Amino acid sequence: MRIWTVLFVLLGVVVLIFVFGPAYSRYSLTLAKIRQVSKEVRLLRKENAYLKESLERLRNDPSALEELARREYRMGRPGEIVYVVAPEED
């Protein structure tokens, strides 16, 4: 009688593994995807905050705008001569 109880319990465990195993696997994959997307959202929020701050600086700080114009667009003030130094070639 005891052996039948043990076999019945083992059969129940095997059935549970086959029934709930794939669902648990999908749950684990979904949980990993949620973690990955959450990390991406955090990084994008940080980047968005940085870009908003940069935009406000450019709107409100003339020296920041001048710095950007000089660095990115090689612009100068009227009467200034802008020299562009080419990088050294190997």
Protein backbone atom coordinates (compact mmCIF):
# COMPACT_ATOMS: atom_id res chain seq x y z
CA MET A 1 0.00 0.00 0.00
CA ARG A 2 2.80 2.42 0.86
CA ILE A 3 4.50 1.94 -2.51
CA TRP A 4 1.28 2.87 -4.30
CA THR A 5 1.08 6.09 -2.32
CA VAL A 6 4.66 6.99 -3.19
CA LEU A 7 4.08 6.16 -6.87
CA PHE A 8 0.87 8.19 -6.92
CA VAL A 9 2.65 11.20 -5.40
CA LEU A 10 5.52 10.89 -7.88
CA LEU A 11 3.06 10.62 -10.76
CA GLY A 12 1.34 13.75 -9.47
CA VAL A 13 4.64 15.60 -9.32
CA VAL A 14 5.52 14.56 -12.88
CA VAL A 15 2.12 15.69 -14.14
CA LEU A 16 2.50 19.03 -12.36
CA ILE A 17 5.94 19.51 -13.93
CA PHE A 18 4.58 18.83 -17.40
CA VAL A 19 1.55 21.06 -16.86
CA PHE A 20 3.20 24.00 -15.09
CA GLY A 21 6.78 23.70 -16.39
CA PRO A 22 6.19 25.54 -19.68
CA ALA A 23 4.13 28.21 -17.91
CA TYR A 24 6.95 28.79 -15.42
CA SER A 25 9.44 29.00 -18.27
CA ARG A 26 7.32 31.66 -20.00
CA TYR A 27 6.98 33.47 -16.66
CA SER A 28 10.77 33.49 -16.21
CA LEU A 29 11.32 34.81 -19.74
CA THR A 30 8.67 37.48 -19.25
CA LEU A 31 10.19 38.52 -15.94
CA ALA A 32 13.64 38.84 -17.56
CA LYS A 33 12.16 40.94 -20.36
CA ILE A 34 10.42 43.20 -17.83
CA ARG A 35 13.72 43.73 -16.02
CA GLN A 36 15.50 44.53 -19.29
CA VAL A 37 12.82 47.01 -20.40
CA SER A 38 12.77 48.62 -16.94
CA LYS A 39 16.53 49.17 -17.16
CA GLU A 40 16.14 50.70 -20.62
CA VAL A 41 13.39 53.01 -19.33
CA ARG A 42 15.63 54.19 -16.46
CA LEU A 43 18.47 54.93 -18.87
CA LEU A 44 16.17 56.77 -21.27
CA ARG A 45 14.74 58.84 -18.43
CA LYS A 46 18.25 59.85 -17.38
CA GLU A 47 19.12 60.75 -20.95
CA ASN A 48 15.88 62.69 -21.33
CA ALA A 49 16.60 64.67 -18.15
CA TYR A 50 20.11 65.47 -19.42
CA LEU A 51 18.76 66.63 -22.78
CA LYS A 52 16.10 68.81 -21.13
CA GLU A 53 18.76 70.39 -18.94
CA SER A 54 20.98 71.01 -21.98
CA LEU A 55 18.09 72.55 -23.88
CA GLU A 56 17.29 74.89 -21.00
CA ARG A 57 20.96 75.92 -20.80
CA LEU A 58 21.00 76.70 -24.51
CA ARG A 59 17.77 78.69 -24.23
CA ASN A 60 18.77 80.71 -21.16
CA ASP A 61 22.57 80.95 -21.20
CA PRO A 62 24.08 82.88 -24.13
CA SER A 63 27.58 81.61 -23.32
CA ALA A 64 26.38 78.00 -23.64
CA LEU A 65 24.90 78.78 -27.04
CA GLU A 66 28.13 80.52 -28.09
CA GLU A 67 30.18 77.54 -26.93
CA LEU A 68 28.02 75.16 -28.97
CA ALA A 69 28.24 77.36 -32.07
CA ARG A 70 32.02 77.61 -31.80
CA ARG A 71 32.59 73.92 -31.10
CA GLU A 72 30.07 72.25 -33.41
CA TYR A 73 29.71 74.76 -36.22
CA ARG A 74 33.15 76.43 -36.08
CA MET A 75 31.58 79.86 -35.88
CA GLY A 76 33.25 82.97 -34.59
CA ARG A 77 32.34 86.48 -33.63
CA PRO A 78 32.36 89.20 -36.28
CA GLY A 79 35.95 90.12 -37.02
CA GLU A 80 37.40 86.89 -35.63
CA ILE A 81 39.33 84.53 -37.82
CA VAL A 82 38.49 80.89 -37.14
CA TYR A 83 41.29 78.42 -37.71
CA VAL A 84 40.43 74.77 -38.12
CA VAL A 85 43.27 72.45 -37.21
CA ALA A 86 43.11 69.17 -39.08
CA PRO A 87 43.92 66.04 -37.08
CA GLU A 88 47.35 64.51 -37.68
CA GLU A 89 47.49 61.66 -40.13
CA ASP A 90 49.57 58.58 -39.37
